[in-house]
N, C-alpha and C. Protein backbone atom coordinates (compact mmCIF):
# COMPACT_ATOMS: atom_id res chain seq x y z
N UNK A 1 76.62 -73.08 -65.52
CA UNK A 1 77.07 -74.33 -65.07
C UNK A 1 77.06 -74.71 -63.67
N UNK A 2 77.52 -73.67 -63.03
CA UNK A 2 77.85 -73.95 -61.47
C UNK A 2 76.34 -74.30 -60.92
N UNK A 3 75.47 -73.50 -61.12
CA UNK A 3 74.03 -73.87 -60.58
C UNK A 3 73.46 -75.16 -60.62
N UNK A 4 73.46 -75.74 -62.07
CA UNK A 4 72.91 -77.04 -62.30
C UNK A 4 73.70 -78.15 -61.69
N UNK A 5 75.08 -77.86 -61.57
CA UNK A 5 75.98 -78.80 -60.92
C UNK A 5 75.56 -78.87 -59.50
N UNK A 6 75.82 -77.68 -58.92
CA UNK A 6 75.42 -77.79 -57.27
C UNK A 6 74.04 -78.16 -56.92
N UNK A 7 73.12 -77.86 -57.86
CA UNK A 7 71.62 -78.40 -57.67
C UNK A 7 71.54 -79.98 -57.69
N UNK A 8 72.31 -80.51 -58.85
CA UNK A 8 72.32 -82.04 -58.82
C UNK A 8 72.96 -82.74 -57.55
N UNK A 9 74.15 -82.11 -57.05
CA UNK A 9 74.92 -82.65 -56.18
C UNK A 9 73.95 -82.54 -54.79
N UNK A 10 73.64 -81.11 -54.58
CA UNK A 10 72.52 -81.11 -53.27
C UNK A 10 71.32 -81.98 -53.54
N UNK A 11 70.65 -82.04 -54.44
CA UNK A 11 69.48 -83.11 -54.65
C UNK A 11 69.93 -84.44 -54.46
N UNK A 12 70.94 -84.94 -54.88
CA UNK A 12 71.41 -86.39 -54.50
C UNK A 12 71.68 -86.42 -53.09
N UNK A 13 72.38 -85.46 -52.66
CA UNK A 13 72.82 -85.63 -51.21
C UNK A 13 71.43 -85.65 -50.30
N UNK A 14 70.52 -84.88 -50.64
CA UNK A 14 69.31 -84.87 -49.73
C UNK A 14 68.45 -86.13 -49.72
N UNK A 15 68.61 -86.78 -51.15
CA UNK A 15 68.01 -88.17 -51.30
C UNK A 15 68.64 -89.26 -50.52
N UNK A 16 70.03 -89.29 -50.40
CA UNK A 16 70.81 -90.17 -49.89
C UNK A 16 70.89 -89.76 -48.27
N UNK A 17 70.50 -88.74 -47.86
CA UNK A 17 70.71 -88.73 -46.28
C UNK A 17 69.51 -89.67 -45.33
N UNK A 18 70.08 -89.92 -44.13
CA UNK A 18 69.42 -90.51 -43.37
C UNK A 18 69.42 -89.87 -42.19
N UNK A 19 68.23 -89.59 -41.52
CA UNK A 19 68.11 -88.91 -40.25
C UNK A 19 67.93 -89.77 -38.95
N UNK A 20 68.53 -89.50 -37.98
CA UNK A 20 68.46 -90.07 -36.78
C UNK A 20 68.52 -89.26 -35.59
N UNK A 21 67.38 -89.54 -34.78
CA UNK A 21 67.08 -88.76 -33.34
C UNK A 21 67.08 -89.85 -32.42
N UNK A 22 67.43 -89.55 -31.02
CA UNK A 22 67.32 -90.40 -30.07
C UNK A 22 67.00 -89.80 -28.74
N UNK A 23 66.25 -90.62 -27.86
CA UNK A 23 65.88 -90.04 -26.66
C UNK A 23 66.38 -90.94 -25.57
N UNK A 24 66.83 -90.36 -24.43
CA UNK A 24 67.39 -91.07 -23.34
C UNK A 24 66.38 -91.18 -22.37
N UNK A 25 66.67 -92.34 -21.35
CA UNK A 25 65.70 -92.29 -20.20
C UNK A 25 66.55 -92.05 -18.96
N UNK A 26 66.03 -91.74 -17.94
CA UNK A 26 66.86 -91.47 -16.45
C UNK A 26 65.96 -92.27 -15.73
N UNK A 27 66.47 -93.42 -15.18
CA UNK A 27 65.60 -94.18 -14.46
C UNK A 27 64.34 -94.64 -15.01
N UNK A 28 63.16 -94.50 -14.33
CA UNK A 28 61.81 -94.99 -15.01
C UNK A 28 61.28 -93.56 -15.57
N UNK A 29 61.84 -92.43 -15.33
CA UNK A 29 61.11 -91.09 -15.99
C UNK A 29 61.90 -91.03 -17.22
N UNK A 30 61.06 -90.89 -18.36
CA UNK A 30 61.45 -90.44 -19.75
C UNK A 30 62.14 -89.19 -19.82
N UNK A 31 63.24 -89.01 -20.50
CA UNK A 31 63.90 -87.86 -20.85
C UNK A 31 63.23 -87.08 -21.88
N UNK A 32 62.94 -85.79 -21.94
CA UNK A 32 62.39 -84.88 -22.99
C UNK A 32 63.52 -84.59 -24.02
N UNK A 33 64.68 -84.79 -23.88
CA UNK A 33 65.79 -84.63 -24.72
C UNK A 33 65.79 -85.40 -25.87
N UNK A 34 66.02 -84.94 -27.00
CA UNK A 34 66.25 -85.68 -28.24
C UNK A 34 67.51 -85.29 -28.73
N UNK A 35 68.33 -86.27 -29.36
CA UNK A 35 69.52 -86.03 -29.96
C UNK A 35 69.59 -86.79 -31.29
N UNK A 36 70.34 -86.24 -32.31
CA UNK A 36 70.43 -86.99 -33.54
C UNK A 36 71.02 -86.16 -34.67
N UNK A 37 70.34 -86.31 -35.72
CA UNK A 37 70.92 -85.74 -36.95
C UNK A 37 70.55 -86.31 -38.03
N UNK A 38 71.32 -85.93 -39.18
CA UNK A 38 71.27 -86.71 -40.44
C UNK A 38 72.60 -86.70 -40.97
N UNK A 39 72.88 -87.56 -41.99
CA UNK A 39 74.07 -87.60 -42.67
C UNK A 39 73.91 -88.08 -44.19
N UNK A 40 74.83 -87.57 -45.13
CA UNK A 40 74.51 -88.06 -46.40
C UNK A 40 75.84 -88.10 -47.06
N UNK A 41 76.04 -88.86 -48.28
CA UNK A 41 77.18 -88.96 -49.06
C UNK A 41 76.49 -89.05 -50.53
N UNK A 42 76.92 -88.15 -51.46
CA UNK A 42 76.44 -88.04 -52.63
C UNK A 42 77.60 -87.84 -53.72
N UNK A 43 77.38 -88.27 -54.95
CA UNK A 43 78.28 -88.20 -56.01
C UNK A 43 77.87 -88.31 -57.43
N UNK A 44 78.47 -87.77 -58.37
CA UNK A 44 78.16 -87.86 -59.59
C UNK A 44 79.55 -88.39 -60.35
N UNK A 45 79.61 -89.49 -60.74
CA UNK A 45 80.83 -90.23 -61.39
C UNK A 45 80.72 -90.33 -62.93
N UNK A 46 81.91 -90.00 -63.38
CA UNK A 46 82.06 -89.99 -64.83
C UNK A 46 83.28 -89.19 -65.15
N UNK A 47 83.65 -89.39 -66.52
CA UNK A 47 84.61 -88.69 -66.96
C UNK A 47 84.75 -87.20 -66.96
N UNK A 48 83.68 -86.65 -67.20
CA UNK A 48 83.61 -85.09 -67.23
C UNK A 48 82.87 -84.50 -65.96
N UNK A 49 82.17 -85.19 -65.00
CA UNK A 49 81.61 -84.49 -63.91
C UNK A 49 82.02 -85.23 -62.66
N UNK A 50 82.82 -86.09 -62.37
CA UNK A 50 83.14 -86.88 -61.16
C UNK A 50 83.23 -85.80 -59.99
N UNK A 51 82.38 -86.05 -58.96
CA UNK A 51 82.33 -85.25 -57.68
C UNK A 51 82.08 -86.14 -56.41
N UNK A 52 82.39 -85.66 -55.33
CA UNK A 52 81.79 -86.11 -54.18
C UNK A 52 80.94 -84.90 -53.31
N UNK A 53 80.16 -85.32 -52.63
CA UNK A 53 79.42 -84.32 -51.63
C UNK A 53 79.17 -85.10 -50.37
N UNK A 54 79.59 -84.40 -49.15
CA UNK A 54 79.41 -85.10 -47.92
C UNK A 54 78.50 -84.10 -47.09
N UNK A 55 77.55 -84.57 -46.33
CA UNK A 55 76.60 -83.77 -45.57
C UNK A 55 76.45 -84.35 -44.23
N UNK A 56 76.52 -83.35 -43.19
CA UNK A 56 76.43 -83.89 -41.93
C UNK A 56 75.59 -82.92 -41.16
N UNK A 57 74.48 -83.46 -40.45
CA UNK A 57 73.52 -82.37 -39.67
C UNK A 57 73.03 -82.78 -38.43
N UNK A 58 73.95 -82.63 -37.52
CA UNK A 58 73.36 -82.85 -36.00
C UNK A 58 72.48 -82.04 -35.33
N UNK A 59 71.66 -82.52 -34.45
CA UNK A 59 70.65 -81.83 -34.02
C UNK A 59 70.44 -82.13 -32.56
N UNK A 60 69.87 -81.12 -31.73
CA UNK A 60 69.33 -81.48 -30.34
C UNK A 60 68.27 -80.99 -30.12
N UNK A 61 67.21 -81.63 -29.48
CA UNK A 61 65.85 -80.96 -29.40
C UNK A 61 65.15 -81.29 -28.13
N UNK A 62 64.10 -80.66 -27.82
CA UNK A 62 63.56 -81.10 -26.41
C UNK A 62 61.92 -81.06 -26.61
N UNK A 63 61.28 -82.05 -26.21
CA UNK A 63 59.90 -82.23 -26.30
C UNK A 63 59.04 -81.29 -25.41
N UNK A 64 58.72 -80.24 -26.01
CA UNK A 64 57.86 -79.19 -25.18
C UNK A 64 56.64 -79.88 -24.72
N UNK A 65 55.93 -80.65 -25.49
CA UNK A 65 54.89 -81.39 -25.42
C UNK A 65 55.14 -82.72 -25.91
N UNK A 66 53.89 -83.73 -25.67
CA UNK A 66 54.03 -85.08 -26.34
C UNK A 66 54.24 -84.84 -27.87
N UNK A 67 53.47 -83.90 -28.59
CA UNK A 67 53.56 -83.64 -29.81
C UNK A 67 54.25 -82.53 -30.44
N UNK A 68 54.87 -81.74 -29.45
CA UNK A 68 55.69 -80.51 -30.08
C UNK A 68 57.12 -80.62 -29.66
N UNK A 69 58.13 -80.55 -30.65
CA UNK A 69 59.38 -80.49 -30.24
C UNK A 69 60.12 -79.22 -30.89
N UNK A 70 61.07 -78.80 -30.29
CA UNK A 70 61.82 -77.71 -30.72
C UNK A 70 63.34 -77.85 -30.32
N UNK A 71 64.08 -77.34 -31.16
CA UNK A 71 65.72 -77.43 -30.75
C UNK A 71 66.38 -76.74 -31.73
N UNK A 72 67.67 -77.06 -31.99
CA UNK A 72 68.67 -76.41 -32.81
C UNK A 72 69.50 -77.46 -33.66
N UNK A 73 69.50 -76.98 -34.84
CA UNK A 73 70.28 -78.12 -35.88
C UNK A 73 71.23 -77.24 -36.62
N UNK A 74 72.36 -77.84 -37.02
CA UNK A 74 73.32 -77.20 -37.79
C UNK A 74 73.51 -78.28 -39.17
N UNK A 75 74.06 -77.51 -40.00
CA UNK A 75 74.56 -78.36 -41.25
C UNK A 75 75.90 -78.12 -41.74
N UNK A 76 76.37 -79.05 -42.26
CA UNK A 76 77.74 -79.02 -42.91
C UNK A 76 77.67 -79.54 -44.16
N UNK A 77 78.06 -79.16 -45.35
CA UNK A 77 78.07 -79.65 -46.58
C UNK A 77 79.38 -79.17 -47.28
N UNK A 78 80.13 -80.34 -47.72
CA UNK A 78 81.47 -80.26 -48.39
C UNK A 78 81.18 -80.85 -49.73
N UNK A 79 81.45 -80.11 -50.90
CA UNK A 79 81.26 -80.60 -52.15
C UNK A 79 82.54 -80.15 -52.99
N UNK A 80 83.08 -81.48 -53.59
CA UNK A 80 84.33 -81.07 -54.61
C UNK A 80 83.97 -81.92 -55.84
N UNK A 81 83.94 -81.19 -57.10
CA UNK A 81 83.77 -81.83 -58.11
C UNK A 81 85.00 -81.27 -59.28
N UNK A 82 84.91 -81.80 -60.27
CA UNK A 82 86.05 -81.38 -61.15
C UNK A 82 86.25 -79.97 -61.46
N UNK A 83 84.99 -79.29 -61.75
CA UNK A 83 85.07 -77.76 -62.01
C UNK A 83 84.75 -76.98 -60.83
N UNK A 84 84.38 -77.48 -59.79
CA UNK A 84 83.61 -76.60 -58.60
C UNK A 84 83.90 -77.14 -57.28
N UNK A 85 84.00 -76.50 -56.33
CA UNK A 85 84.10 -76.98 -54.87
C UNK A 85 83.25 -75.90 -54.01
N UNK A 86 82.75 -76.38 -53.00
CA UNK A 86 82.01 -75.64 -52.08
C UNK A 86 81.89 -76.30 -50.57
N UNK A 87 81.96 -75.21 -49.71
CA UNK A 87 81.81 -75.54 -48.29
C UNK A 87 80.69 -74.74 -47.84
N UNK A 88 79.56 -75.29 -47.15
CA UNK A 88 78.49 -74.90 -46.51
C UNK A 88 78.28 -75.09 -45.19
N UNK A 89 78.14 -74.09 -44.19
CA UNK A 89 77.87 -74.30 -42.78
C UNK A 89 76.44 -73.39 -42.46
N UNK A 90 75.65 -74.21 -41.83
CA UNK A 90 74.42 -73.45 -41.55
C UNK A 90 73.90 -73.75 -40.10
N UNK A 91 73.34 -73.01 -39.35
CA UNK A 91 72.94 -73.15 -38.09
C UNK A 91 71.60 -72.45 -37.70
N UNK A 92 70.60 -73.07 -36.93
CA UNK A 92 69.22 -72.57 -36.75
C UNK A 92 68.52 -73.30 -35.85
N UNK A 93 67.18 -72.76 -35.47
CA UNK A 93 66.20 -73.48 -34.72
C UNK A 93 65.29 -74.22 -35.71
N UNK A 94 64.58 -75.28 -34.87
CA UNK A 94 63.46 -75.87 -35.64
C UNK A 94 62.63 -76.34 -34.77
N UNK A 95 61.48 -76.52 -35.36
CA UNK A 95 60.26 -76.98 -34.55
C UNK A 95 59.44 -77.91 -35.39
N UNK A 96 58.86 -79.15 -34.74
CA UNK A 96 58.32 -80.29 -35.18
C UNK A 96 57.01 -80.37 -34.60
N UNK A 97 55.79 -80.61 -35.15
CA UNK A 97 54.64 -80.76 -34.56
C UNK A 97 53.96 -82.20 -35.28
N UNK A 98 54.02 -83.06 -34.26
CA UNK A 98 53.46 -84.45 -34.67
C UNK A 98 51.87 -84.73 -34.48
N UNK A 99 51.21 -85.07 -35.58
CA UNK A 99 49.93 -85.24 -35.68
C UNK A 99 49.54 -86.99 -35.56
N UNK A 100 49.12 -87.28 -34.64
CA UNK A 100 48.48 -88.78 -34.47
C UNK A 100 49.60 -89.73 -34.91
N UNK A 101 50.89 -89.14 -34.89
CA UNK A 101 51.92 -90.03 -35.18
C UNK A 101 52.04 -90.74 -36.53
N UNK A 102 51.32 -90.22 -37.27
CA UNK A 102 51.17 -90.49 -38.82
C UNK A 102 51.76 -89.34 -39.70
N UNK A 103 51.52 -87.99 -39.16
CA UNK A 103 51.94 -87.13 -39.90
C UNK A 103 52.81 -85.98 -39.14
N UNK A 104 53.58 -85.12 -39.77
CA UNK A 104 54.27 -84.06 -39.15
C UNK A 104 54.29 -82.93 -39.74
N UNK A 105 54.31 -81.68 -39.08
CA UNK A 105 54.53 -80.33 -39.53
C UNK A 105 55.83 -79.95 -39.13
N UNK A 106 56.59 -79.18 -39.95
CA UNK A 106 57.89 -78.82 -39.57
C UNK A 106 58.26 -77.25 -40.01
N UNK A 107 58.70 -76.67 -39.12
CA UNK A 107 59.65 -75.51 -39.57
C UNK A 107 61.00 -75.38 -39.11
N UNK A 108 61.86 -74.86 -40.16
CA UNK A 108 63.20 -74.64 -39.48
C UNK A 108 63.83 -73.36 -40.08
N UNK A 109 64.53 -72.60 -39.28
CA UNK A 109 65.27 -71.53 -39.85
C UNK A 109 66.51 -71.73 -40.03
N UNK A 110 67.50 -71.47 -41.08
CA UNK A 110 68.77 -71.76 -41.06
C UNK A 110 69.53 -70.37 -41.51
N UNK A 111 70.77 -70.10 -41.06
CA UNK A 111 71.65 -69.15 -41.60
C UNK A 111 72.58 -69.94 -42.21
N UNK A 112 73.11 -69.73 -43.41
CA UNK A 112 73.99 -70.48 -44.27
C UNK A 112 75.19 -69.72 -44.37
N UNK A 113 76.32 -70.15 -44.25
CA UNK A 113 77.64 -69.54 -44.65
C UNK A 113 78.29 -70.35 -45.54
N UNK A 114 78.79 -69.69 -46.76
CA UNK A 114 79.36 -70.59 -47.65
C UNK A 114 80.54 -69.90 -48.45
N UNK A 115 81.53 -70.78 -48.81
CA UNK A 115 82.61 -70.48 -49.61
C UNK A 115 82.53 -71.34 -51.05
N UNK A 116 82.59 -70.89 -52.24
CA UNK A 116 82.64 -71.63 -53.42
C UNK A 116 83.80 -71.19 -54.27
N UNK A 117 84.09 -72.14 -55.00
CA UNK A 117 85.31 -71.84 -56.16
C UNK A 117 85.24 -72.44 -57.29
N UNK A 118 85.11 -71.74 -58.36
CA UNK A 118 85.13 -72.21 -59.70
C UNK A 118 86.61 -72.68 -60.22
N UNK A 119 86.71 -73.82 -60.24
CA UNK A 119 88.22 -74.34 -60.41
C UNK A 119 88.67 -74.03 -61.94
N UNK A 120 87.95 -73.69 -62.90
CA UNK A 120 88.37 -73.30 -64.07
C UNK A 120 88.66 -71.80 -64.11
N UNK A 121 87.89 -71.02 -63.63
CA UNK A 121 88.22 -69.60 -63.55
C UNK A 121 89.15 -69.01 -62.54
N UNK A 122 89.12 -69.97 -61.63
CA UNK A 122 89.81 -69.54 -60.18
C UNK A 122 89.01 -68.66 -59.42
N UNK A 123 87.61 -68.30 -59.79
CA UNK A 123 87.02 -67.32 -59.14
C UNK A 123 86.32 -67.87 -58.02
N UNK A 124 86.39 -67.02 -56.68
CA UNK A 124 86.08 -67.45 -55.36
C UNK A 124 84.75 -66.57 -54.97
N UNK A 125 83.86 -67.10 -54.30
CA UNK A 125 82.68 -66.36 -53.98
C UNK A 125 82.47 -67.03 -52.48
N UNK A 126 82.24 -65.93 -51.52
CA UNK A 126 81.81 -66.24 -50.16
C UNK A 126 80.52 -65.38 -49.89
N UNK A 127 79.83 -66.01 -48.93
CA UNK A 127 78.67 -65.30 -48.63
C UNK A 127 77.73 -65.90 -47.57
N UNK A 128 76.64 -65.38 -47.43
CA UNK A 128 75.68 -66.07 -46.53
C UNK A 128 74.33 -65.82 -47.05
N UNK A 129 73.48 -66.81 -46.51
CA UNK A 129 71.86 -66.74 -47.08
C UNK A 129 71.17 -67.23 -46.03
N UNK A 130 69.96 -66.78 -45.81
CA UNK A 130 69.01 -67.38 -44.79
C UNK A 130 68.02 -67.90 -45.54
N UNK A 131 67.47 -69.08 -44.80
CA UNK A 131 66.31 -69.86 -45.37
C UNK A 131 65.42 -70.29 -44.29
N UNK A 132 64.20 -70.02 -44.57
CA UNK A 132 63.16 -70.38 -43.65
C UNK A 132 62.39 -71.60 -44.28
N UNK A 133 62.44 -72.80 -43.84
CA UNK A 133 61.78 -73.90 -44.51
C UNK A 133 60.45 -74.20 -43.77
N UNK A 134 59.43 -74.54 -44.47
CA UNK A 134 58.12 -74.82 -43.79
C UNK A 134 57.72 -76.22 -44.61
N UNK A 135 57.31 -77.28 -43.88
CA UNK A 135 56.77 -78.24 -44.66
C UNK A 135 56.21 -79.24 -43.71
N UNK A 136 56.32 -80.59 -44.20
CA UNK A 136 55.64 -81.87 -43.37
C UNK A 136 55.82 -82.97 -44.31
N UNK A 137 55.07 -83.94 -43.77
CA UNK A 137 55.20 -85.29 -44.38
C UNK A 137 54.51 -86.36 -43.60
N UNK A 138 54.75 -87.60 -43.92
CA UNK A 138 54.25 -88.71 -43.33
C UNK A 138 55.20 -89.71 -42.47
N UNK A 139 54.73 -90.08 -41.46
CA UNK A 139 55.57 -90.98 -40.62
C UNK A 139 54.83 -92.33 -40.64
N UNK A 140 55.80 -93.24 -40.54
CA UNK A 140 55.31 -94.77 -40.48
C UNK A 140 56.28 -95.29 -39.10
N UNK A 141 55.58 -95.93 -38.40
CA UNK A 141 56.18 -96.68 -37.04
C UNK A 141 56.99 -97.74 -37.45
N UNK A 142 58.33 -97.82 -37.22
CA UNK A 142 59.06 -99.08 -37.56
C UNK A 142 59.62 -99.86 -36.34
N UNK A 143 59.26 -99.31 -35.04
CA UNK A 143 59.72 -100.00 -33.96
C UNK A 143 59.11 -99.26 -32.83
N UNK A 144 59.69 -99.62 -31.46
CA UNK A 144 59.37 -98.90 -30.48
C UNK A 144 60.00 -97.51 -30.29
N UNK A 145 59.11 -96.63 -30.40
CA UNK A 145 59.49 -94.93 -30.47
C UNK A 145 60.34 -94.82 -31.60
N UNK A 146 60.14 -95.55 -32.57
CA UNK A 146 61.02 -95.42 -33.91
C UNK A 146 59.98 -95.06 -35.11
N UNK A 147 60.21 -94.06 -35.84
CA UNK A 147 59.37 -93.88 -36.94
C UNK A 147 60.33 -93.54 -38.12
N UNK A 148 59.79 -93.72 -39.36
CA UNK A 148 60.36 -93.34 -40.51
C UNK A 148 59.74 -92.27 -41.03
N UNK A 149 60.37 -91.02 -41.66
CA UNK A 149 59.65 -89.91 -42.11
C UNK A 149 60.00 -89.81 -43.60
N UNK A 150 58.93 -89.35 -44.43
CA UNK A 150 59.13 -88.96 -45.66
C UNK A 150 58.41 -87.59 -45.77
N UNK A 151 59.22 -86.55 -46.21
CA UNK A 151 58.31 -85.22 -46.28
C UNK A 151 59.06 -84.26 -47.30
N UNK A 152 58.50 -83.20 -47.31
CA UNK A 152 59.04 -82.10 -48.23
C UNK A 152 59.05 -80.85 -47.65
N UNK A 153 59.83 -80.12 -47.72
CA UNK A 153 59.88 -78.74 -47.20
C UNK A 153 60.34 -77.68 -48.31
N UNK A 154 59.80 -76.42 -48.07
CA UNK A 154 60.03 -75.34 -49.00
C UNK A 154 60.61 -74.17 -48.43
N UNK A 155 61.71 -73.52 -48.94
CA UNK A 155 62.21 -72.48 -48.27
C UNK A 155 61.50 -71.12 -48.88
N UNK A 156 60.68 -70.57 -47.92
CA UNK A 156 59.76 -69.45 -48.28
C UNK A 156 60.53 -68.09 -48.53
N UNK A 157 61.81 -68.18 -48.32
CA UNK A 157 62.78 -66.98 -48.48
C UNK A 157 63.72 -67.20 -49.86
N UNK A 158 63.30 -68.19 -50.53
CA UNK A 158 64.15 -68.61 -51.81
C UNK A 158 63.76 -67.75 -52.84
N UNK A 159 64.78 -67.12 -53.64
CA UNK A 159 64.71 -66.14 -54.61
C UNK A 159 65.50 -66.79 -55.91
N UNK A 160 65.00 -67.23 -56.85
CA UNK A 160 65.62 -68.06 -58.09
C UNK A 160 66.86 -67.27 -58.48
N UNK A 161 66.82 -66.06 -58.73
CA UNK A 161 68.02 -65.31 -59.38
C UNK A 161 68.94 -64.98 -58.25
N UNK A 162 68.85 -65.04 -57.12
CA UNK A 162 69.68 -64.47 -55.98
C UNK A 162 70.11 -65.47 -55.05
N UNK A 163 69.53 -66.72 -55.23
CA UNK A 163 69.92 -67.98 -54.12
C UNK A 163 71.23 -68.58 -54.78
N UNK A 164 72.01 -69.17 -53.60
CA UNK A 164 73.04 -69.93 -54.10
C UNK A 164 72.71 -71.43 -54.20
N UNK A 165 71.25 -71.76 -53.68
CA UNK A 165 70.94 -73.06 -53.72
C UNK A 165 70.00 -73.18 -55.19
N UNK A 166 69.87 -74.15 -55.67
CA UNK A 166 69.08 -74.58 -57.14
C UNK A 166 67.75 -74.46 -57.03
N UNK A 167 67.28 -74.79 -55.82
CA UNK A 167 65.77 -74.91 -55.79
C UNK A 167 65.33 -74.47 -54.39
N UNK A 168 64.03 -74.18 -54.09
CA UNK A 168 63.54 -73.79 -52.87
C UNK A 168 62.93 -75.09 -52.03
N UNK A 169 62.83 -76.08 -52.93
CA UNK A 169 62.18 -77.56 -52.35
C UNK A 169 63.32 -78.42 -51.80
N UNK A 170 63.06 -79.03 -50.71
CA UNK A 170 64.15 -79.98 -49.99
C UNK A 170 63.34 -81.01 -49.73
N UNK A 171 63.61 -82.32 -50.34
CA UNK A 171 62.96 -83.71 -49.94
C UNK A 171 63.68 -84.07 -48.71
N UNK A 172 63.02 -84.96 -47.87
CA UNK A 172 63.62 -85.50 -46.89
C UNK A 172 63.13 -86.90 -46.60
N UNK A 173 64.08 -87.96 -46.37
CA UNK A 173 63.56 -89.35 -45.74
C UNK A 173 64.66 -89.52 -44.58
N UNK A 174 63.87 -90.00 -43.74
CA UNK A 174 64.88 -90.27 -42.24
C UNK A 174 64.13 -91.00 -41.28
N UNK A 175 64.97 -91.52 -40.38
CA UNK A 175 64.20 -92.18 -39.27
C UNK A 175 64.37 -91.41 -37.94
N UNK A 176 63.43 -91.30 -37.02
CA UNK A 176 63.60 -90.74 -35.94
C UNK A 176 63.19 -91.48 -34.62
N UNK A 177 64.09 -91.73 -33.72
CA UNK A 177 64.01 -92.54 -32.50
C UNK A 177 63.63 -91.67 -31.26
N UNK A 178 62.75 -92.03 -30.30
CA UNK A 178 62.44 -91.43 -29.19
C UNK A 178 61.28 -90.64 -29.15
N UNK A 179 60.36 -90.65 -30.19
CA UNK A 179 59.13 -89.90 -30.07
C UNK A 179 58.06 -90.58 -29.16
């Protein structure tokens, strides 16, 4: 029961998240730093499964070249449902390679630390899990140096019977400014 509920809440949260990145300028020279992140709010509402999930993921990056960006990202996910609660914190580096400003390839390593509680049995579980996400997607320009991204990543370290996550696939939809 715990894994399907967690999978649903995490999936809903990832579909609801919005990613934002920004770049600042200093005088007439463009800064190579990017700032931003993503946030999401998810929930399953009903008499038997009501719950809420909040997801926040700030990031800071640096454009190594015009098409290559590297940085650090962190994740905070809080979930509270009728029978289950969970707190997850993740941190790690990322790299994005942009192809003709229409496509991108992405890699991200995250070390997750989590606390979970089954509210029925009162069983608590804490641990950590590493994830190496590889993927990419499509980008559509929506303004001056602003792009909408639609993509999919896969955790190549995912093991179905051992992972705290319900799936190795992670969809993403977001907006990036400053590219």
